[in-house]
Amino acid sequence: MTVPNGWTPVRKDFVDPATTRCHARSPLGGRHHGFPEGHAYILRDAEGHEYPFGADCARAVLPEPSLLETVPDYTERDVPPAAASLPRMDKDAARKLARRNTATRYVVLRMEKVAAVPRVQPTVRFPALEDLYRQIARGEPLSDAQVTRVLGIERSASTPPRLKAENLLDVYTAHTKLERLIAESNNVENIRFLRGVHDWLARHLVLSAAQIAAAGIVMHPHAFRSGIGERS
């Protein structure tokens, strides 16, 4: 939804902790704070441009601070965060919101986030979701019928485990962390190794616990559990 002052909360996502700064200025000294944890809320302005905000800064520009808790979270499969506060709403409304966010996130993961991983297997992008992806990109929420359609695709027995929502979140999380480590490393052998792990991730959409440990990335304790048993 677009709020009266032009800012639209879009999602919670990964950002580069080394270079990304909050779009809002701190009232203390006017400085833009960073994101040491690598997570930010993404808000869209009236012209359609997206900017990163910290939680408090985002709430400050929204007429209803609770709007921030209504967006899809693409960082959910990072190391377990502290429990987030949820906006007050009745059970039916909360369930409807959760379903819409789950469906929206699944479409964006398959059509953008994971589909954009270099050398990723082509089965990730699903043409049947193209119209819904374009709708989401325009800032138009999915209807109840569209949500049901997307969740039906995700939960279908014909959708492989590695293309389910949870595993795709793990792929996106690992991809983000590996890209960050590659950019930060100045050791040629280490870069080559990390790129090898990244290529494996792109081809197989899964990493073993040994690969995760060897790469030095910190993941959710149950990362890739849903996809690890599937044959490559």
C-alpha atoms as a PDB file:
ATOM      1  CA  MET A   1       0.000   0.000   0.000  1.00  0.00           C
ATOM      2  CA  THR A   2       1.134   3.588  -0.689  1.00  0.00           C
ATOM      3  CA  VAL A   3       0.984   5.844   2.334  1.00  0.00           C
ATOM      4  CA  PRO A   4      -0.102   9.504   2.197  1.00  0.00           C
ATOM      5  CA  ASN A   5       3.406  11.006   2.426  1.00  0.00           C
ATOM      6  CA  GLY A   6       4.602   8.962  -0.540  1.00  0.00           C
ATOM      7  CA  TRP A   7       6.659   6.318   1.275  1.00  0.00           C
ATOM      8  CA  THR A   8       5.641   2.712   0.674  1.00  0.00           C
ATOM      9  CA  PRO A   9       7.094  -0.086   2.840  1.00  0.00           C
ATOM     10  CA  VAL A  10       8.189  -2.838   0.426  1.00  0.00           C
ATOM     11  CA  ARG A  11      10.274  -5.493   2.174  1.00  0.00           C
ATOM     12  CA  LYS A  12      12.997  -6.331   4.679  1.00  0.00           C
ATOM     13  CA  ASP A  13      16.110  -7.385   2.788  1.00  0.00           C
ATOM     14  CA  PHE A  14      19.868  -7.878   2.859  1.00  0.00           C
ATOM     15  CA  VAL A  15      22.138  -4.869   2.294  1.00  0.00           C
ATOM     16  CA  ASP A  16      25.912  -4.498   2.217  1.00  0.00           C
ATOM     17  CA  PRO A  17      26.991  -3.586   5.773  1.00  0.00           C
ATOM     18  CA  ALA A  18      30.231  -2.079   4.474  1.00  0.00           C
ATOM     19  CA  THR A  19      28.701   0.473   2.124  1.00  0.00           C
ATOM     20  CA  THR A  20      24.963   0.879   2.725  1.00  0.00           C
ATOM     21  CA  ARG A  21      23.713   3.810   4.779  1.00  0.00           C
ATOM     22  CA  CYS A  22      20.212   4.627   5.967  1.00  0.00           C
ATOM     23  CA  HIS A  23      18.402   7.061   3.684  1.00  0.00           C
ATOM     24  CA  ALA A  24      17.162   9.036   6.686  1.00  0.00           C
ATOM     25  CA  ARG A  25      19.444  11.389   8.573  1.00  0.00           C
ATOM     26  CA  SER A  26      19.869  11.005  12.308  1.00  0.00           C
ATOM     27  CA  PRO A  27      18.500  13.947  14.312  1.00  0.00           C
ATOM     28  CA  LEU A  28      21.792  13.818  16.241  1.00  0.00           C
ATOM     29  CA  GLY A  29      24.351  15.333  13.921  1.00  0.00           C
ATOM     30  CA  GLY A  30      22.471  14.580  10.723  1.00  0.00           C
ATOM     31  CA  ARG A  31      24.542  11.498   9.892  1.00  0.00           C
ATOM     32  CA  HIS A  32      23.294   8.462   7.996  1.00  0.00           C
ATOM     33  CA  HIS A  33      23.745   5.346  10.140  1.00  0.00           C
ATOM     34  CA  GLY A  34      24.899   2.033   8.705  1.00  0.00           C
ATOM     35  CA  PHE A  35      23.585  -1.519   8.913  1.00  0.00           C
ATOM     36  CA  PRO A  36      26.204  -3.622  10.725  1.00  0.00           C
ATOM     37  CA  GLU A  37      23.843  -6.617  10.807  1.00  0.00           C
ATOM     38  CA  GLY A  38      23.352  -6.410   7.023  1.00  0.00           C
ATOM     39  CA  HIS A  39      19.553  -6.066   7.147  1.00  0.00           C
ATOM     40  CA  ALA A  40      17.419  -3.050   6.222  1.00  0.00           C
ATOM     41  CA  TYR A  41      13.835  -2.126   5.513  1.00  0.00           C
ATOM     42  CA  ILE A  42      13.310  -1.043   1.918  1.00  0.00           C
ATOM     43  CA  LEU A  43      10.877   1.806   1.309  1.00  0.00           C
ATOM     44  CA  ARG A  44       9.730   3.130  -2.076  1.00  0.00           C
ATOM     45  CA  ASP A  45       9.172   6.845  -2.666  1.00  0.00           C
ATOM     46  CA  ALA A  46       6.459   8.475  -4.769  1.00  0.00           C
ATOM     47  CA  GLU A  47       8.682   8.305  -7.874  1.00  0.00           C
ATOM     48  CA  GLY A  48       9.186   4.556  -7.495  1.00  0.00           C
ATOM     49  CA  HIS A  49      12.782   4.670  -6.209  1.00  0.00           C
ATOM     50  CA  GLU A  50      13.723   2.314  -3.366  1.00  0.00           C
ATOM     51  CA  TYR A  51      15.860   3.275  -0.358  1.00  0.00           C
ATOM     52  CA  PRO A  52      17.146   1.444   2.750  1.00  0.00           C
ATOM     53  CA  PHE A  53      15.986   2.495   6.218  1.00  0.00           C
ATOM     54  CA  GLY A  54      16.656   1.312   9.727  1.00  0.00           C
ATOM     55  CA  ALA A  55      13.595   0.122  11.631  1.00  0.00           C
ATOM     56  CA  ASP A  56      13.237   3.255  13.773  1.00  0.00           C
ATOM     57  CA  CYS A  57      13.910   5.588  10.847  1.00  0.00           C
ATOM     58  CA  ALA A  58      11.358   3.797   8.692  1.00  0.00           C
ATOM     59  CA  ARG A  59       8.715   3.970  11.394  1.00  0.00           C
ATOM     60  CA  ALA A  60       9.388   7.698  11.753  1.00  0.00           C
ATOM     61  CA  VAL A  61       8.429   8.434   8.133  1.00  0.00           C
ATOM     62  CA  LEU A  62       5.363   6.187   8.065  1.00  0.00           C
ATOM     63  CA  PRO A  63       2.048   7.546   9.390  1.00  0.00           C
ATOM     64  CA  GLU A  64       1.371   4.134  10.947  1.00  0.00           C
ATOM     65  CA  PRO A  65       4.584   2.593  12.363  1.00  0.00           C
ATOM     66  CA  SER A  66       2.971  -0.847  12.392  1.00  0.00           C
ATOM     67  CA  LEU A  67       2.979  -0.818   8.571  1.00  0.00           C
ATOM     68  CA  LEU A  68       6.626  -1.833   8.785  1.00  0.00           C
ATOM     69  CA  GLU A  69       5.668  -5.227  10.185  1.00  0.00           C
ATOM     70  CA  THR A  70       3.385  -5.982   7.232  1.00  0.00           C
ATOM     71  CA  VAL A  71       6.122  -6.460   4.606  1.00  0.00           C
ATOM     72  CA  PRO A  72       7.725  -9.701   3.357  1.00  0.00           C
ATOM     73  CA  ASP A  73      11.000 -10.566   5.115  1.00  0.00           C
ATOM     74  CA  TYR A  74      13.753 -11.900   2.844  1.00  0.00           C
ATOM     75  CA  THR A  75      16.207 -12.218   5.749  1.00  0.00           C
ATOM     76  CA  GLU A  76      14.100 -14.738   7.646  1.00  0.00           C
ATOM     77  CA  ARG A  77      16.507 -17.625   7.030  1.00  0.00           C
ATOM     78  CA  ASP A  78      19.543 -15.759   8.320  1.00  0.00           C
ATOM     79  CA  VAL A  79      20.716 -16.603  11.845  1.00  0.00           C
ATOM     80  CA  PRO A  80      17.611 -16.546  14.071  1.00  0.00           C
ATOM     81  CA  PRO A  81      16.701 -12.931  14.922  1.00  0.00           C
ATOM     82  CA  ALA A  82      15.002 -11.651  18.013  1.00  0.00           C
ATOM     83  CA  ALA A  83      11.245 -12.069  17.872  1.00  0.00           C
ATOM     84  CA  ALA A  84       9.673  -9.206  15.963  1.00  0.00           C
ATOM     85  CA  SER A  85       6.679  -7.323  17.253  1.00  0.00           C
ATOM     86  CA  LEU A  86       3.623  -7.700  15.062  1.00  0.00           C
ATOM     87  CA  PRO A  87       0.908  -5.155  14.369  1.00  0.00           C
ATOM     88  CA  ARG A  88      -2.268  -5.691  16.324  1.00  0.00           C
ATOM     89  CA  MET A  89      -4.950  -7.287  14.179  1.00  0.00           C
ATOM     90  CA  ASP A  90      -7.489 -10.042  14.472  1.00  0.00           C
ATOM     91  CA  LYS A  91      -6.491 -13.605  13.696  1.00  0.00           C
ATOM     92  CA  ASP A  92      -8.152 -13.690  10.290  1.00  0.00           C
ATOM     93  CA  ALA A  93      -6.442 -10.470   9.193  1.00  0.00           C
ATOM     94  CA  ALA A  94      -3.075 -11.703  10.481  1.00  0.00           C
ATOM     95  CA  ARG A  95      -3.491 -15.008   8.630  1.00  0.00           C
ATOM     96  CA  LYS A  96      -4.460 -13.207   5.426  1.00  0.00           C
ATOM     97  CA  LEU A  97      -1.423 -10.919   5.688  1.00  0.00           C
ATOM     98  CA  ALA A  98       0.921 -13.845   6.345  1.00  0.00           C
ATOM     99  CA  ARG A  99      -0.426 -15.713   3.304  1.00  0.00           C
ATOM    100  CA  ARG A 100      -0.039 -12.671   1.058  1.00  0.00           C
ATOM    101  CA  ASN A 101       3.517 -12.019   2.233  1.00  0.00           C
ATOM    102  CA  THR A 102       4.446 -15.675   1.761  1.00  0.00           C
ATOM    103  CA  ALA A 103       3.042 -15.680  -1.767  1.00  0.00           C
ATOM    104  CA  THR A 104       4.639 -12.349  -2.675  1.00  0.00           C
ATOM    105  CA  ARG A 105       8.011 -13.467  -1.384  1.00  0.00           C
ATOM    106  CA  TYR A 106       7.826 -16.749  -3.300  1.00  0.00           C
ATOM    107  CA  VAL A 107       7.118 -14.981  -6.583  1.00  0.00           C
ATOM    108  CA  VAL A 108       9.972 -12.518  -6.080  1.00  0.00           C
ATOM    109  CA  LEU A 109      12.400 -15.249  -5.027  1.00  0.00           C
ATOM    110  CA  ARG A 110      11.730 -17.322  -8.144  1.00  0.00           C
ATOM    111  CA  MET A 111      11.482 -14.465 -10.618  1.00  0.00           C
ATOM    112  CA  GLU A 112      14.118 -12.069  -9.259  1.00  0.00           C
ATOM    113  CA  LYS A 113      16.166 -12.816  -6.158  1.00  0.00           C
ATOM    114  CA  VAL A 114      17.279 -16.376  -6.911  1.00  0.00           C
ATOM    115  CA  ALA A 115      16.740 -16.117 -10.663  1.00  0.00           C
ATOM    116  CA  ALA A 116      19.410 -13.382 -10.725  1.00  0.00           C
ATOM    117  CA  VAL A 117      22.092 -15.556  -9.089  1.00  0.00           C
ATOM    118  CA  PRO A 118      24.878 -16.009 -11.689  1.00  0.00           C
ATOM    119  CA  ARG A 119      24.756 -19.404 -13.435  1.00  0.00           C
ATOM    120  CA  VAL A 120      21.689 -20.487 -11.476  1.00  0.00           C
ATOM    121  CA  GLN A 121      19.786 -23.421 -12.927  1.00  0.00           C
ATOM    122  CA  PRO A 122      17.097 -22.200 -15.364  1.00  0.00           C
ATOM    123  CA  THR A 123      14.271 -24.081 -13.640  1.00  0.00           C
ATOM    124  CA  VAL A 124      14.175 -21.390 -10.940  1.00  0.00           C
ATOM    125  CA  ARG A 125      12.403 -18.868 -13.145  1.00  0.00           C
ATOM    126  CA  PHE A 126       8.812 -19.983 -13.706  1.00  0.00           C
ATOM    127  CA  PRO A 127       6.969 -18.378 -16.662  1.00  0.00           C
ATOM    128  CA  ALA A 128       3.571 -18.968 -15.034  1.00  0.00           C
ATOM    129  CA  LEU A 129       4.513 -16.396 -12.375  1.00  0.00           C
ATOM    130  CA  GLU A 130       5.594 -13.677 -14.812  1.00  0.00           C
ATOM    131  CA  ASP A 131       2.314 -11.746 -14.755  1.00  0.00           C
ATOM    132  CA  LEU A 132       2.213 -11.788 -10.961  1.00  0.00           C
ATOM    133  CA  TYR A 133       5.841 -10.684 -10.710  1.00  0.00           C
ATOM    134  CA  ARG A 134       5.149  -7.679 -12.939  1.00  0.00           C
ATOM    135  CA  GLN A 135       2.127  -6.832 -10.829  1.00  0.00           C
ATOM    136  CA  ILE A 136       4.204  -6.925  -7.635  1.00  0.00           C
ATOM    137  CA  ALA A 137       6.920  -4.813  -9.291  1.00  0.00           C
ATOM    138  CA  ARG A 138       4.273  -2.172 -10.029  1.00  0.00           C
ATOM    139  CA  GLY A 139       3.465  -2.056  -6.328  1.00  0.00           C
ATOM    140  CA  GLU A 140       0.085  -3.759  -6.709  1.00  0.00           C
ATOM    141  CA  PRO A 141      -0.711  -6.332  -3.998  1.00  0.00           C
ATOM    142  CA  LEU A 142      -1.789  -9.838  -4.907  1.00  0.00           C
ATOM    143  CA  SER A 143      -5.493 -10.595  -4.668  1.00  0.00           C
ATOM    144  CA  ASP A 144      -6.780 -13.417  -2.488  1.00  0.00           C
ATOM    145  CA  ALA A 145      -7.267 -15.598  -5.568  1.00  0.00           C
ATOM    146  CA  GLN A 146      -3.734 -14.880  -6.755  1.00  0.00           C
ATOM    147  CA  VAL A 147      -2.331 -15.699  -3.321  1.00  0.00           C
ATOM    148  CA  THR A 148      -4.129 -19.043  -3.407  1.00  0.00           C
ATOM    149  CA  ARG A 149      -2.755 -19.685  -6.905  1.00  0.00           C
ATOM    150  CA  VAL A 150       0.845 -18.980  -5.862  1.00  0.00           C
ATOM    151  CA  LEU A 151       0.662 -21.028  -2.678  1.00  0.00           C
ATOM    152  CA  GLY A 152      -0.819 -23.880  -4.690  1.00  0.00           C
ATOM    153  CA  ILE A 153       2.199 -23.799  -7.010  1.00  0.00           C
ATOM    154  CA  GLU A 154       4.658 -23.676  -4.112  1.00  0.00           C
ATOM    155  CA  ARG A 155       3.009 -26.550  -2.257  1.00  0.00           C
ATOM    156  CA  SER A 156       2.352 -28.711  -5.307  1.00  0.00           C
ATOM    157  CA  ALA A 157       3.906 -32.173  -5.336  1.00  0.00           C
ATOM    158  CA  SER A 158       5.257 -31.326  -8.791  1.00  0.00           C
ATOM    159  CA  THR A 159       7.378 -28.488  -7.363  1.00  0.00           C
ATOM    160  CA  PRO A 160      10.767 -29.982  -6.366  1.00  0.00           C
ATOM    161  CA  PRO A 161      11.890 -29.501  -2.739  1.00  0.00           C
ATOM    162  CA  ARG A 162      14.724 -27.221  -3.841  1.00  0.00           C
ATOM    163  CA  LEU A 163      12.205 -24.882  -5.475  1.00  0.00           C
ATOM    164  CA  LYS A 164      10.077 -24.604  -2.342  1.00  0.00           C
ATOM    165  CA  ALA A 165       9.995 -21.279  -0.513  1.00  0.00           C
ATOM    166  CA  GLU A 166      12.141 -22.256   2.457  1.00  0.00           C
ATOM    167  CA  ASN A 167      14.975 -23.655   0.353  1.00  0.00           C
ATOM    168  CA  LEU A 168      14.911 -20.662  -2.010  1.00  0.00           C
ATOM    169  CA  LEU A 169      15.248 -18.363   1.007  1.00  0.00           C
ATOM    170  CA  ASP A 170      18.285 -20.385   2.059  1.00  0.00           C
ATOM    171  CA  VAL A 171      19.755 -20.068  -1.448  1.00  0.00           C
ATOM    172  CA  TYR A 172      19.229 -16.303  -1.479  1.00  0.00           C
ATOM    173  CA  THR A 173      20.720 -15.950   2.006  1.00  0.00           C
ATOM    174  CA  ALA A 174      23.797 -18.044   1.176  1.00  0.00           C
ATOM    175  CA  HIS A 175      24.258 -16.255  -2.159  1.00  0.00           C
ATOM    176  CA  THR A 176      24.215 -12.869  -0.429  1.00  0.00           C
ATOM    177  CA  LYS A 177      26.740 -13.956   2.187  1.00  0.00           C
ATOM    178  CA  LEU A 178      29.082 -15.610  -0.328  1.00  0.00           C
ATOM    179  CA  GLU A 179      29.027 -12.570  -2.614  1.00  0.00           C
ATOM    180  CA  ARG A 180      29.910 -10.403   0.375  1.00  0.00           C
ATOM    181  CA  LEU A 181      32.826 -12.641   1.405  1.00  0.00           C
ATOM    182  CA  ILE A 182      34.158 -12.737  -2.162  1.00  0.00           C
ATOM    183  CA  ALA A 183      34.064  -8.937  -2.374  1.00  0.00           C
ATOM    184  CA  GLU A 184      35.847  -8.562   0.970  1.00  0.00           C
ATOM    185  CA  SER A 185      38.594 -11.139   0.353  1.00  0.00           C
ATOM    186  CA  ASN A 186      42.022 -10.237  -1.047  1.00  0.00           C
ATOM    187  CA  ASN A 187      43.289 -13.826  -1.080  1.00  0.00           C
ATOM    188  CA  VAL A 188      43.248 -15.319  -4.579  1.00  0.00           C
ATOM    189  CA  GLU A 189      42.944 -18.927  -3.386  1.00  0.00           C
ATOM    190  CA  ASN A 190      40.159 -18.050  -0.979  1.00  0.00           C
ATOM    191  CA  ILE A 191      38.280 -16.160  -3.685  1.00  0.00           C
ATOM    192  CA  ARG A 192      38.615 -19.135  -6.025  1.00  0.00           C
ATOM    193  CA  PHE A 193      37.304 -21.479  -3.335  1.00  0.00           C
ATOM    194  CA  LEU A 194      34.357 -19.233  -2.470  1.00  0.00           C
ATOM    195  CA  ARG A 195      33.446 -18.895  -6.134  1.00  0.00           C
ATOM    196  CA  GLY A 196      33.499 -22.669  -6.405  1.00  0.00           C
ATOM    197  CA  VAL A 197      31.067 -22.940  -3.499  1.00  0.00           C
ATOM    198  CA  HIS A 198      28.909 -20.238  -5.067  1.00  0.00           C
ATOM    199  CA  ASP A 199      28.854 -22.040  -8.420  1.00  0.00           C
ATOM    200  CA  TRP A 200      27.807 -25.255  -6.682  1.00  0.00           C
ATOM    201  CA  LEU A 201      25.008 -23.365  -4.938  1.00  0.00           C
ATOM    202  CA  ALA A 202      23.816 -21.931  -8.252  1.00  0.00           C
ATOM    203  CA  ARG A 203      23.820 -25.313  -9.998  1.00  0.00           C
ATOM    204  CA  HIS A 204      22.373 -27.432  -7.191  1.00  0.00           C
ATOM    205  CA  LEU A 205      20.399 -24.923  -5.063  1.00  0.00           C
ATOM    206  CA  VAL A 206      21.782 -26.457  -1.884  1.00  0.00           C
ATOM    207  CA  LEU A 207      24.879 -26.455   0.322  1.00  0.00           C
ATOM    208  CA  SER A 208      25.953 -29.088   2.823  1.00  0.00           C
ATOM    209  CA  ALA A 209      26.827 -28.244   6.414  1.00  0.00           C
ATOM    210  CA  ALA A 210      30.477 -28.927   5.543  1.00  0.00           C
ATOM    211  CA  GLN A 211      30.373 -26.470   2.637  1.00  0.00           C
ATOM    212  CA  ILE A 212      28.757 -23.811   4.798  1.00  0.00           C
ATOM    213  CA  ALA A 213      31.398 -24.252   7.505  1.00  0.00           C
ATOM    214  CA  ALA A 214      34.302 -24.313   5.040  1.00  0.00           C
ATOM    215  CA  ALA A 215      33.089 -21.121   3.375  1.00  0.00           C
ATOM    216  CA  GLY A 216      32.834 -19.402   6.740  1.00  0.00           C
ATOM    217  CA  ILE A 217      29.255 -18.228   6.371  1.00  0.00           C
ATOM    218  CA  VAL A 218      26.792 -18.223   9.245  1.00  0.00           C
ATOM    219  CA  MET A 219      23.400 -19.639   8.342  1.00  0.00           C
ATOM    220  CA  HIS A 220      20.157 -20.582  10.016  1.00  0.00           C
ATOM    221  CA  PRO A 221      20.714 -23.849  11.963  1.00  0.00           C
ATOM    222  CA  HIS A 222      18.227 -25.648   9.706  1.00  0.00           C
ATOM    223  CA  ALA A 223      19.505 -24.165   6.441  1.00  0.00           C
ATOM    224  CA  PHE A 224      18.847 -26.336   3.373  1.00  0.00           C
ATOM    225  CA  ARG A 225      17.173 -29.027   5.441  1.00  0.00           C
ATOM    226  CA  SER A 226      14.231 -29.114   3.023  1.00  0.00           C
ATOM    227  CA  GLY A 227      16.442 -29.475  -0.056  1.00  0.00           C
ATOM    228  CA  ILE A 228      19.398 -31.520   1.146  1.00  0.00           C
ATOM    229  CA  GLY A 229      17.705 -34.888   0.626  1.00  0.00           C
ATOM    230  CA  GLU A 230      16.775 -34.250  -3.001  1.00  0.00           C
ATOM    231  CA  ARG A 231      18.992 -35.882  -5.568  1.00  0.00           C
ATOM    232  CA  SER A 232      21.000 -33.474  -7.720  1.00  0.00           C
END
